[in-house]
PDB file of N, CA and C in Angstrom:
ATOM      1  N   UNK A   1     107.656 121.862 127.264  1.00  0.00           N
ATOM      2  CA  UNK A   1     108.803 120.840 126.768  1.00  0.00           C
ATOM      3  C   UNK A   1     108.357 119.421 126.930  1.00  0.00           C
ATOM      4  N   UNK A   2     108.518 118.661 125.828  1.00  0.00           N
ATOM      5  CA  UNK A   2     107.783 117.241 126.015  1.00  0.00           C
ATOM      6  C   UNK A   2     108.710 116.379 127.007  1.00  0.00           C
ATOM      7  N   UNK A   3     108.335 115.510 127.800  1.00  0.00           N
ATOM      8  CA  UNK A   3     108.667 114.551 128.453  1.00  0.00           C
ATOM      9  C   UNK A   3     109.785 113.657 127.521  1.00  0.00           C
ATOM     10  N   UNK A   4     110.639 112.965 127.890  1.00  0.00           N
ATOM     11  CA  UNK A   4     111.322 112.133 127.272  1.00  0.00           C
ATOM     12  C   UNK A   4     110.301 111.101 127.999  1.00  0.00           C
ATOM     13  N   UNK A   5     110.646 109.894 126.855  1.00  0.00           N
ATOM     14  CA  UNK A   5     109.860 108.585 126.895  1.00  0.00           C
ATOM     15  C   UNK A   5     110.840 107.503 127.291  1.00  0.00           C
ATOM     16  N   UNK A   6     110.747 106.773 128.538  1.00  0.00           N
ATOM     17  CA  UNK A   6     111.741 105.885 129.044  1.00  0.00           C
ATOM     18  C   UNK A   6     111.107 104.704 128.791  1.00  0.00           C
ATOM     19  N   UNK A   7     111.609 103.370 128.083  1.00  0.00           N
ATOM     20  CA  UNK A   7     111.139 102.154 128.275  1.00  0.00           C
ATOM     21  C   UNK A   7     112.378 101.128 128.509  1.00  0.00           C
ATOM     22  N   UNK A   8     112.116 100.132 128.986  1.00  0.00           N
ATOM     23  CA  UNK A   8     113.303  98.772 129.333  1.00  0.00           C
ATOM     24  C   UNK A   8     112.874  97.930 128.132  1.00  0.00           C
ATOM     25  N   UNK A   9     113.818  97.924 127.461  1.00  0.00           N
ATOM     26  CA  UNK A   9     113.771  97.243 125.979  1.00  0.00           C
ATOM     27  C   UNK A   9     113.906  95.579 126.812  1.00  0.00           C
ATOM     28  N   UNK A  10     114.843  95.113 127.638  1.00  0.00           N
ATOM     29  CA  UNK A  10     114.488  93.619 128.204  1.00  0.00           C
ATOM     30  C   UNK A  10     113.022  93.590 128.382  1.00  0.00           C
ATOM     31  N   UNK A  11     112.162  94.474 129.268  1.00  0.00           N
ATOM     32  CA  UNK A  11     110.979  93.967 129.476  1.00  0.00           C
ATOM     33  C   UNK A  11     110.020  94.112 128.305  1.00  0.00           C
ATOM     34  N   UNK A  12     110.353  94.691 127.289  1.00  0.00           N
ATOM     35  CA  UNK A  12     109.180  94.732 126.149  1.00  0.00           C
ATOM     36  C   UNK A  12     109.787  93.375 125.551  1.00  0.00           C
ATOM     37  N   UNK A  13     110.898  93.079 125.313  1.00  0.00           N
ATOM     38  CA  UNK A  13     111.204  91.757 124.425  1.00  0.00           C
ATOM     39  C   UNK A  13     110.838  90.751 125.630  1.00  0.00           C
ATOM     40  N   UNK A  14     110.774  90.402 126.681  1.00  0.00           N
ATOM     41  CA  UNK A  14     110.662  89.617 127.239  1.00  0.00           C
ATOM     42  C   UNK A  14     109.010  89.289 127.633  1.00  0.00           C
ATOM     43  N   UNK A  15     108.119  90.272 127.685  1.00  0.00           N
ATOM     44  CA  UNK A  15     106.647  90.088 126.960  1.00  0.00           C
ATOM     45  C   UNK A  15     106.291  89.644 125.950  1.00  0.00           C
ATOM     46  N   UNK A  16     107.034  90.217 124.718  1.00  0.00           N
ATOM     47  CA  UNK A  16     106.591  89.896 123.375  1.00  0.00           C
ATOM     48  C   UNK A  16     106.937  88.343 123.164  1.00  0.00           C
ATOM     49  N   UNK A  17     108.058  87.653 123.939  1.00  0.00           N
ATOM     50  CA  UNK A  17     108.327  86.199 124.047  1.00  0.00           C
ATOM     51  C   UNK A  17     107.451  85.483 124.488  1.00  0.00           C
ATOM     52  N   UNK A  18     106.662  85.855 125.610  1.00  0.00           N
ATOM     53  CA  UNK A  18     106.028  85.462 126.441  1.00  0.00           C
ATOM     54  C   UNK A  18     104.490  85.525 125.787  1.00  0.00           C
ATOM     55  N   UNK A  19     104.356  86.401 125.281  1.00  0.00           N
ATOM     56  CA  UNK A  19     102.951  86.407 124.213  1.00  0.00           C
ATOM     57  C   UNK A  19     103.095  85.342 123.208  1.00  0.00           C
ATOM     58  N   UNK A  20     104.523  85.510 122.555  1.00  0.00           N
ATOM     59  CA  UNK A  20     104.460  84.382 121.108  1.00  0.00           C
ATOM     60  C   UNK A  20     104.544  83.141 121.697  1.00  0.00           C
ATOM     61  N   UNK A  21     105.503  82.881 122.438  1.00  0.00           N
ATOM     62  CA  UNK A  21     105.670  81.447 122.767  1.00  0.00           C
ATOM     63  C   UNK A  21     105.227  80.766 124.233  1.00  0.00           C
ATOM     64  N   UNK A  22     104.823  81.498 125.039  1.00  0.00           N
ATOM     65  CA  UNK A  22     104.481  81.371 126.401  1.00  0.00           C
ATOM     66  C   UNK A  22     105.269  80.278 126.951  1.00  0.00           C
ATOM     67  N   UNK A  23     105.098  79.419 127.317  1.00  0.00           N
ATOM     68  CA  UNK A  23     105.694  78.372 128.088  1.00  0.00           C
ATOM     69  C   UNK A  23     106.974  77.606 127.275  1.00  0.00           C
ATOM     70  N   UNK A  24     106.456  77.609 126.017  1.00  0.00           N
ATOM     71  CA  UNK A  24     107.740  76.915 124.836  1.00  0.00           C
ATOM     72  C   UNK A  24     107.047  76.696 123.897  1.00  0.00           C
ATOM     73  N   UNK A  25     107.754  76.251 122.724  1.00  0.00           N
ATOM     74  CA  UNK A  25     107.212  75.341 121.494  1.00  0.00           C
ATOM     75  C   UNK A  25     107.183  74.189 121.766  1.00  0.00           C
ATOM     76  N   UNK A  26     106.182  73.440 121.507  1.00  0.00           N
ATOM     77  CA  UNK A  26     106.418  72.247 121.990  1.00  0.00           C
ATOM     78  C   UNK A  26     106.624  71.296 120.395  1.00  0.00           C
ATOM     79  N   UNK A  27     106.262  72.046 119.583  1.00  0.00           N
ATOM     80  CA  UNK A  27     106.590  71.144 118.174  1.00  0.00           C
ATOM     81  C   UNK A  27     108.364  71.280 118.065  1.00  0.00           C
ATOM     82  N   UNK A  28     109.076  72.511 118.139  1.00  0.00           N
ATOM     83  CA  UNK A  28     110.503  72.487 118.178  1.00  0.00           C
ATOM     84  C   UNK A  28     111.173  71.666 119.254  1.00  0.00           C
ATOM     85  N   UNK A  29     110.696  71.917 120.225  1.00  0.00           N
ATOM     86  CA  UNK A  29     111.274  71.113 121.197  1.00  0.00           C
ATOM     87  C   UNK A  29     111.179  69.371 121.017  1.00  0.00           C
ATOM     88  N   UNK A  30     110.006  68.875 120.436  1.00  0.00           N
ATOM     89  CA  UNK A  30     109.835  67.774 120.049  1.00  0.00           C
ATOM     90  C   UNK A  30     110.848  67.211 118.996  1.00  0.00           C
ATOM     91  N   UNK A  31     111.114  67.942 117.815  1.00  0.00           N
ATOM     92  CA  UNK A  31     111.950  67.589 116.473  1.00  0.00           C
ATOM     93  C   UNK A  31     113.372  68.285 116.727  1.00  0.00           C
ATOM     94  N   UNK A  32     113.829  69.027 117.531  1.00  0.00           N
ATOM     95  CA  UNK A  32     115.534  69.287 118.188  1.00  0.00           C
ATOM     96  C   UNK A  32     115.687  69.315 119.233  1.00  0.00           C
ATOM     97  N   UNK A  33     117.402  68.601 119.226  1.00  0.00           N
ATOM     98  CA  UNK A  33     117.190  68.205 120.436  1.00  0.00           C
ATOM     99  C   UNK A  33     118.351  69.825 120.817  1.00  0.00           C
ATOM    100  N   UNK A  34     118.507  69.776 122.185  1.00  0.00           N
ATOM    101  CA  UNK A  34     119.158  71.216 122.647  1.00  0.00           C
ATOM    102  C   UNK A  34     120.672  71.271 122.045  1.00  0.00           C
ATOM    103  N   UNK A  35     121.350  70.497 121.482  1.00  0.00           N
ATOM    104  CA  UNK A  35     122.667  71.063 120.915  1.00  0.00           C
ATOM    105  C   UNK A  35     122.970  71.007 119.827  1.00  0.00           C
ATOM    106  N   UNK A  36     121.368  71.198 118.787  1.00  0.00           N
ATOM    107  CA  UNK A  36     121.267  71.299 117.532  1.00  0.00           C
ATOM    108  C   UNK A  36     122.008  73.055 117.070  1.00  0.00           C
ATOM    109  N   UNK A  37     122.870  73.197 116.647  1.00  0.00           N
ATOM    110  CA  UNK A  37     123.122  74.665 116.081  1.00  0.00           C
ATOM    111  C   UNK A  37     122.562  74.837 114.697  1.00  0.00           C
ATOM    112  N   UNK A  38     121.895  76.100 114.611  1.00  0.00           N
ATOM    113  CA  UNK A  38     121.482  76.548 113.412  1.00  0.00           C
ATOM    114  C   UNK A  38     122.030  77.975 112.827  1.00  0.00           C
ATOM    115  N   UNK A  39     121.723  78.089 111.498  1.00  0.00           N
ATOM    116  CA  UNK A  39     122.230  79.137 110.898  1.00  0.00           C
ATOM    117  C   UNK A  39     120.651  79.348 109.828  1.00  0.00           C
ATOM    118  N   UNK A  40     120.698  80.884 110.109  1.00  0.00           N
ATOM    119  CA  UNK A  40     119.781  81.514 109.140  1.00  0.00           C
ATOM    120  C   UNK A  40     120.323  82.776 108.397  1.00  0.00           C
ATOM    121  N   UNK A  41     119.360  83.243 107.442  1.00  0.00           N
ATOM    122  CA  UNK A  41     119.660  84.387 106.678  1.00  0.00           C
ATOM    123  C   UNK A  41     118.391  85.462 106.518  1.00  0.00           C
ATOM    124  N   UNK A  42     118.320  86.610 106.889  1.00  0.00           N
ATOM    125  CA  UNK A  42     117.266  87.554 106.653  1.00  0.00           C
ATOM    126  C   UNK A  42     117.573  87.827 105.607  1.00  0.00           C
ATOM    127  N   UNK A  43     116.527  87.815 104.550  1.00  0.00           N
ATOM    128  CA  UNK A  43     116.358  88.327 102.995  1.00  0.00           C
ATOM    129  C   UNK A  43     115.109  89.546 103.229  1.00  0.00           C
ATOM    130  N   UNK A  44     115.492  90.576 102.622  1.00  0.00           N
ATOM    131  CA  UNK A  44     114.317  91.730 102.369  1.00  0.00           C
ATOM    132  C   UNK A  44     113.685  91.314 101.194  1.00  0.00           C
ATOM    133  N   UNK A  45     112.028  91.586 101.465  1.00  0.00           N
ATOM    134  CA  UNK A  45     110.920  90.408 100.704  1.00  0.00           C
ATOM    135  C   UNK A  45     110.769  92.036  99.872  1.00  0.00           C
ATOM    136  N   UNK A  46     110.852  93.010 100.171  1.00  0.00           N
ATOM    137  CA  UNK A  46     110.826  94.440  99.435  1.00  0.00           C
ATOM    138  C   UNK A  46     111.415  95.393  99.821  1.00  0.00           C
ATOM    139  N   UNK A  47     111.738  96.603  99.205  1.00  0.00           N
ATOM    140  CA  UNK A  47     112.497  97.685  99.001  1.00  0.00           C
ATOM    141  C   UNK A  47     112.196  98.444 100.666  1.00  0.00           C
ATOM    142  N   UNK A  48     113.236  98.749 101.162  1.00  0.00           N
ATOM    143  CA  UNK A  48     112.768  99.573 102.330  1.00  0.00           C
ATOM    144  C   UNK A  48     114.025  99.812 102.976  1.00  0.00           C
ATOM    145  N   UNK A  49     114.112 100.507 104.222  1.00  0.00           N
ATOM    146  CA  UNK A  49     114.903 100.750 104.965  1.00  0.00           C
ATOM    147  C   UNK A  49     114.543 100.225 106.239  1.00  0.00           C
ATOM    148  N   UNK A  50     115.740  99.778 106.777  1.00  0.00           N
ATOM    149  CA  UNK A  50     116.085  98.647 107.702  1.00  0.00           C
ATOM    150  C   UNK A  50     116.146  99.433 109.213  1.00  0.00           C
ATOM    151  N   UNK A  51     115.597  98.849 109.836  1.00  0.00           N
ATOM    152  CA  UNK A  51     115.450  99.504 111.414  1.00  0.00           C
ATOM    153  C   UNK A  51     115.178  98.328 112.238  1.00  0.00           C
ATOM    154  N   UNK A  52     115.851  98.099 113.387  1.00  0.00           N
ATOM    155  CA  UNK A  52     115.572  97.316 114.732  1.00  0.00           C
ATOM    156  C   UNK A  52     116.597  96.194 114.835  1.00  0.00           C
ATOM    157  N   UNK A  53     117.537  96.179 113.908  1.00  0.00           N
ATOM    158  CA  UNK A  53     119.085  95.211 114.167  1.00  0.00           C
ATOM    159  C   UNK A  53     119.106  94.826 115.470  1.00  0.00           C
ATOM    160  N   UNK A  54     119.301  95.921 116.369  1.00  0.00           N
ATOM    161  CA  UNK A  54     119.633  96.047 117.636  1.00  0.00           C
ATOM    162  C   UNK A  54     118.642  94.885 118.596  1.00  0.00           C
ATOM    163  N   UNK A  55     117.354  95.622 118.249  1.00  0.00           N
ATOM    164  CA  UNK A  55     116.511  95.211 119.072  1.00  0.00           C
ATOM    165  C   UNK A  55     116.241  93.337 118.818  1.00  0.00           C
ATOM    166  N   UNK A  56     116.522  92.890 117.274  1.00  0.00           N
ATOM    167  CA  UNK A  56     116.290  91.516 116.888  1.00  0.00           C
ATOM    168  C   UNK A  56     117.633  90.816 117.896  1.00  0.00           C
ATOM    169  N   UNK A  57     118.697  91.022 117.419  1.00  0.00           N
ATOM    170  CA  UNK A  57     119.632  90.841 118.365  1.00  0.00           C
ATOM    171  C   UNK A  57     119.553  90.287 119.342  1.00  0.00           C
ATOM    172  N   UNK A  58     119.045  91.431 120.628  1.00  0.00           N
ATOM    173  CA  UNK A  58     118.553  91.270 122.041  1.00  0.00           C
ATOM    174  C   UNK A  58     117.500  90.101 122.191  1.00  0.00           C
ATOM    175  N   UNK A  59     116.747  90.246 121.334  1.00  0.00           N
ATOM    176  CA  UNK A  59     115.393  88.995 121.029  1.00  0.00           C
ATOM    177  C   UNK A  59     116.113  87.400 121.162  1.00  0.00           C
ATOM    178  N   UNK A  60     117.113  87.225 119.915  1.00  0.00           N
ATOM    179  CA  UNK A  60     117.485  86.174 120.165  1.00  0.00           C
ATOM    180  C   UNK A  60     118.597  85.946 120.959  1.00  0.00           C
ATOM    181  N   UNK A  61     119.029  86.711 121.871  1.00  0.00           N
ATOM    182  CA  UNK A  61     119.972  86.599 122.825  1.00  0.00           C
ATOM    183  C   UNK A  61     119.518  86.013 124.251  1.00  0.00           C
ATOM    184  N   UNK A  62     118.044  86.864 124.126  1.00  0.00           N
ATOM    185  CA  UNK A  62     117.281  86.640 125.148  1.00  0.00           C
ATOM    186  C   UNK A  62     117.204  85.002 125.808  1.00  0.00           C
ATOM    187  N   UNK A  63     117.166  84.351 124.471  1.00  0.00           N
ATOM    188  CA  UNK A  63     116.723  82.867 124.730  1.00  0.00           C
ATOM    189  C   UNK A  63     118.127  82.047 124.548  1.00  0.00           C
ATOM    190  N   UNK A  64     119.413  82.683 123.934  1.00  0.00           N
ATOM    191  CA  UNK A  64     120.370  81.858 123.654  1.00  0.00           C
ATOM    192  C   UNK A  64     121.522  83.132 123.719  1.00  0.00           C
ATOM    193  N   UNK A  65     122.429  83.117 124.800  1.00  0.00           N
ATOM    194  CA  UNK A  65     123.225  84.167 125.060  1.00  0.00           C
ATOM    195  C   UNK A  65     124.245  84.439 124.345  1.00  0.00           C
ATOM    196  N   UNK A  66     124.569  83.238 123.580  1.00  0.00           N
ATOM    197  CA  UNK A  66     125.364  83.243 122.671  1.00  0.00           C
ATOM    198  C   UNK A  66     125.189  83.157 121.081  1.00  0.00           C
ATOM    199  N   UNK A  67     123.868  83.135 121.165  1.00  0.00           N
ATOM    200  CA  UNK A  67     123.077  83.507 119.484  1.00  0.00           C
ATOM    201  C   UNK A  67     124.153  84.950 118.931  1.00  0.00           C
ATOM    202  N   UNK A  68     124.319  84.523 117.939  1.00  0.00           N
ATOM    203  CA  UNK A  68     125.475  85.551 117.159  1.00  0.00           C
ATOM    204  C   UNK A  68     124.459  85.917 115.915  1.00  0.00           C
ATOM    205  N   UNK A  69     123.966  87.436 115.831  1.00  0.00           N
ATOM    206  CA  UNK A  69     123.505  87.672 114.818  1.00  0.00           C
ATOM    207  C   UNK A  69     124.267  89.042 113.860  1.00  0.00           C
ATOM    208  N   UNK A  70     124.597  88.665 112.977  1.00  0.00           N
ATOM    209  CA  UNK A  70     125.635  89.505 112.015  1.00  0.00           C
ATOM    210  C   UNK A  70     124.729  90.153 111.110  1.00  0.00           C
ATOM    211  N   UNK A  71     124.952  91.648 111.115  1.00  0.00           N
ATOM    212  CA  UNK A  71     124.446  92.590 110.334  1.00  0.00           C
ATOM    213  C   UNK A  71     125.241  92.944 109.026  1.00  0.00           C
ATOM    214  N   UNK A  72     124.601  92.726 107.796  1.00  0.00           N
ATOM    215  CA  UNK A  72     125.830  93.206 106.691  1.00  0.00           C
ATOM    216  C   UNK A  72     125.284  94.783 106.450  1.00  0.00           C
ATOM    217  N   UNK A  73     124.368  95.700 107.051  1.00  0.00           N
ATOM    218  CA  UNK A  73     123.906  96.698 106.650  1.00  0.00           C
ATOM    219  C   UNK A  73     123.408  97.384 108.215  1.00  0.00           C
ATOM    220  N   UNK A  74     123.454  98.606 108.308  1.00  0.00           N
ATOM    221  CA  UNK A  74     123.145  99.478 109.657  1.00  0.00           C
ATOM    222  C   UNK A  74     121.631  99.965 109.304  1.00  0.00           C
ATOM    223  N   UNK A  75     121.008 100.122 110.378  1.00  0.00           N
ATOM    224  CA  UNK A  75     119.925 100.774 110.653  1.00  0.00           C
ATOM    225  C   UNK A  75     119.395 101.807 109.896  1.00  0.00           C
ATOM    226  N   UNK A  76     118.887 101.951 109.084  1.00  0.00           N
ATOM    227  CA  UNK A  76     118.800 103.238 108.277  1.00  0.00           C
ATOM    228  C   UNK A  76     119.063 103.096 106.776  1.00  0.00           C
ATOM    229  N   UNK A  77     119.958 101.719 106.379  1.00  0.00           N
ATOM    230  CA  UNK A  77     120.146 101.874 105.131  1.00  0.00           C
ATOM    231  C   UNK A  77     119.191 100.975 104.353  1.00  0.00           C
ATOM    232  N   UNK A  78     119.143 101.500 102.990  1.00  0.00           N
ATOM    233  CA  UNK A  78     118.156 100.990 102.304  1.00  0.00           C
ATOM    234  C   UNK A  78     118.631  99.367 101.850  1.00  0.00           C
ATOM    235  N   UNK A  79     117.443  98.693 101.553  1.00  0.00           N
ATOM    236  CA  UNK A  79     117.577  96.980 101.047  1.00  0.00           C
ATOM    237  C   UNK A  79     116.597  97.094  99.770  1.00  0.00           C
ATOM    238  N   UNK A  80     117.007  96.261  99.148  1.00  0.00           N
ATOM    239  CA  UNK A  80     116.090  95.849  98.131  1.00  0.00           C
ATOM    240  C   UNK A  80     115.993  94.166  98.190  1.00  0.00           C
ATOM    241  N   UNK A  81     114.528  93.852  97.534  1.00  0.00           N
ATOM    242  CA  UNK A  81     114.110  92.681  97.485  1.00  0.00           C
ATOM    243  C   UNK A  81     115.299  91.509  97.155  1.00  0.00           C
ATOM    244  N   UNK A  82     115.841  90.572  97.864  1.00  0.00           N
ATOM    245  CA  UNK A  82     116.550  89.745  97.682  1.00  0.00           C
ATOM    246  C   UNK A  82     117.811  90.087  98.765  1.00  0.00           C
ATOM    247  N   UNK A  83     117.736  91.335  98.956  1.00  0.00           N
ATOM    248  CA  UNK A  83     119.098  91.617  99.691  1.00  0.00           C
ATOM    249  C   UNK A  83     119.672  90.551 101.199  1.00  0.00           C
ATOM    250  N   UNK A  84     120.439  90.031 101.589  1.00  0.00           N
ATOM    251  CA  UNK A  84     120.644  89.548 102.598  1.00  0.00           C
ATOM    252  C   UNK A  84     121.097  90.616 103.376  1.00  0.00           C
ATOM    253  N   UNK A  85     120.646  90.841 104.270  1.00  0.00           N
ATOM    254  CA  UNK A  85     121.142  92.231 105.125  1.00  0.00           C
ATOM    255  C   UNK A  85     121.646  91.428 106.760  1.00  0.00           C
ATOM    256  N   UNK A  86     121.294  90.514 107.082  1.00  0.00           N
ATOM    257  CA  UNK A  86     121.739  89.712 108.411  1.00  0.00           C
ATOM    258  C   UNK A  86     121.777  88.353 108.464  1.00  0.00           C
ATOM    259  N   UNK A  87     122.557  87.856 109.240  1.00  0.00           N
ATOM    260  CA  UNK A  87     122.597  86.376 109.442  1.00  0.00           C
ATOM    261  C   UNK A  87     122.729  86.141 110.888  1.00  0.00           C
ATOM    262  N   UNK A  88     121.982  84.796 110.988  1.00  0.00           N
ATOM    263  CA  UNK A  88     121.822  84.495 112.738  1.00  0.00           C
ATOM    264  C   UNK A  88     122.490  82.800 112.857  1.00  0.00           C
ATOM    265  N   UNK A  89     123.279  82.649 113.955  1.00  0.00           N
ATOM    266  CA  UNK A  89     123.502  81.499 114.292  1.00  0.00           C
ATOM    267  C   UNK A  89     123.471  81.275 115.680  1.00  0.00           C
ATOM    268  N   UNK A  90     122.870  79.940 116.442  1.00  0.00           N
ATOM    269  CA  UNK A  90     122.973  79.699 117.273  1.00  0.00           C
ATOM    270  C   UNK A  90     122.290  78.560 117.778  1.00  0.00           C
ATOM    271  N   UNK A  91     121.723  78.287 119.262  1.00  0.00           N
ATOM    272  CA  UNK A  91     121.110  77.211 119.626  1.00  0.00           C
ATOM    273  C   UNK A  91     119.688  77.282 118.936  1.00  0.00           C
ATOM    274  N   UNK A  92     119.570  75.613 118.231  1.00  0.00           N
ATOM    275  CA  UNK A  92     118.176  75.932 117.454  1.00  0.00           C
ATOM    276  C   UNK A  92     116.902  76.150 117.989  1.00  0.00           C
ATOM    277  N   UNK A  93     117.080  75.598 119.236  1.00  0.00           N
ATOM    278  CA  UNK A  93     115.522  75.594 119.755  1.00  0.00           C
ATOM    279  C   UNK A  93     115.382  77.279 119.786  1.00  0.00           C
ATOM    280  N   UNK A  94     116.275  77.779 120.569  1.00  0.00           N
ATOM    281  CA  UNK A  94     116.262  79.045 120.963  1.00  0.00           C
ATOM    282  C   UNK A  94     115.953  80.085 119.755  1.00  0.00           C
ATOM    283  N   UNK A  95     116.664  79.776 118.490  1.00  0.00           N
ATOM    284  CA  UNK A  95     116.494  80.931 117.286  1.00  0.00           C
ATOM    285  C   UNK A  95     115.244  80.396 116.804  1.00  0.00           C
ATOM    286  N   UNK A  96     114.392  78.955 116.579  1.00  0.00           N
ATOM    287  CA  UNK A  96     112.973  79.174 116.280  1.00  0.00           C
ATOM    288  C   UNK A  96     111.961  79.488 117.267  1.00  0.00           C
ATOM    289  N   UNK A  97     112.400  79.841 118.365  1.00  0.00           N
ATOM    290  CA  UNK A  97     111.655  80.167 119.787  1.00  0.00           C
ATOM    291  C   UNK A  97     111.487  81.929 119.294  1.00  0.00           C
ATOM    292  N   UNK A  98     112.298  82.556 119.079  1.00  0.00           N
ATOM    293  CA  UNK A  98     112.713  83.847 119.161  1.00  0.00           C
ATOM    294  C   UNK A  98     112.533  84.374 117.690  1.00  0.00           C
ATOM    295  N   UNK A  99     112.629  83.298 116.592  1.00  0.00           N
ATOM    296  CA  UNK A  99     112.273  83.960 115.057  1.00  0.00           C
ATOM    297  C   UNK A  99     111.196  85.131 114.824  1.00  0.00           C
ATOM    298  N   UNK A 100     109.804  84.562 115.243  1.00  0.00           N
ATOM    299  CA  UNK A 100     108.801  85.216 115.018  1.00  0.00           C
ATOM    300  C   UNK A 100     108.858  86.506 115.776  1.00  0.00           C
ATOM    301  N   UNK A 101     109.083  86.600 117.322  1.00  0.00           N
ATOM    302  CA  UNK A 101     109.264  87.980 117.585  1.00  0.00           C
ATOM    303  C   UNK A 101     110.401  88.961 117.095  1.00  0.00           C
ATOM    304  N   UNK A 102     111.512  88.418 116.877  1.00  0.00           N
ATOM    305  CA  UNK A 102     112.385  88.975 116.256  1.00  0.00           C
ATOM    306  C   UNK A 102     112.145  89.520 115.269  1.00  0.00           C
ATOM    307  N   UNK A 103     111.249  88.851 114.020  1.00  0.00           N
ATOM    308  CA  UNK A 103     110.775  89.176 112.830  1.00  0.00           C
ATOM    309  C   UNK A 103     109.960  90.212 112.853  1.00  0.00           C
ATOM    310  N   UNK A 104     108.924  90.110 114.020  1.00  0.00           N
ATOM    311  CA  UNK A 104     108.096  91.322 114.170  1.00  0.00           C
ATOM    312  C   UNK A 104     108.664  92.481 114.574  1.00  0.00           C
ATOM    313  N   UNK A 105     109.494  92.513 115.264  1.00  0.00           N
ATOM    314  CA  UNK A 105     110.070  93.504 115.654  1.00  0.00           C
ATOM    315  C   UNK A 105     110.421  94.397 114.391  1.00  0.00           C
ATOM    316  N   UNK A 106     111.545  93.711 113.830  1.00  0.00           N
ATOM    317  CA  UNK A 106     112.110  93.906 112.737  1.00  0.00           C
ATOM    318  C   UNK A 106     111.302  94.798 111.630  1.00  0.00           C
ATOM    319  N   UNK A 107     110.011  93.921 111.345  1.00  0.00           N
ATOM    320  CA  UNK A 107     108.756  94.637 110.546  1.00  0.00           C
ATOM    321  C   UNK A 107     108.248  95.699 110.757  1.00  0.00           C
ATOM    322  N   UNK A 108     108.198  95.710 112.162  1.00  0.00           N
ATOM    323  CA  UNK A 108     107.320  96.891 112.771  1.00  0.00           C
ATOM    324  C   UNK A 108     108.267  98.001 112.701  1.00  0.00           C
ATOM    325  N   UNK A 109     109.242  98.055 112.940  1.00  0.00           N
ATOM    326  CA  UNK A 109     110.350  99.294 112.936  1.00  0.00           C
ATOM    327  C   UNK A 109     110.903  99.459 111.523  1.00  0.00           C
ATOM    328  N   UNK A 110     110.920  98.680 110.526  1.00  0.00           N
ATOM    329  CA  UNK A 110     111.387  98.583 108.970  1.00  0.00           C
ATOM    330  C   UNK A 110     110.486  99.628 108.567  1.00  0.00           C
ATOM    331  N   UNK A 111     110.805 100.067 107.159  1.00  0.00           N
ATOM    332  CA  UNK A 111     109.797 100.625 106.265  1.00  0.00           C
ATOM    333  C   UNK A 111     110.344 100.703 105.343  1.00  0.00           C
TER     334      UNK A 111
END
């Protein structure tokens, strides 16, 4: 019988963010004030199956507890090029800080 693999998602996200942004994103912090709210859309570049939306949401919320990721599909759904499959709204510095990490998770989990 195989052993179940257990992992702490928060720890994985924390380490990924530390690797990507370290002590912060100096450029973002210098051009955006903390009170700026941004919105963005997730648009599929290729045909594929989406996975990792929960992980992406938690990644943004790690830097902004109030960040709102709204998904228009569920994990396992097929998307086509140009499909908007989710949107995000939250504190600008946090969204830009978490963007690369969240996209990395989505790209690696989706196929």
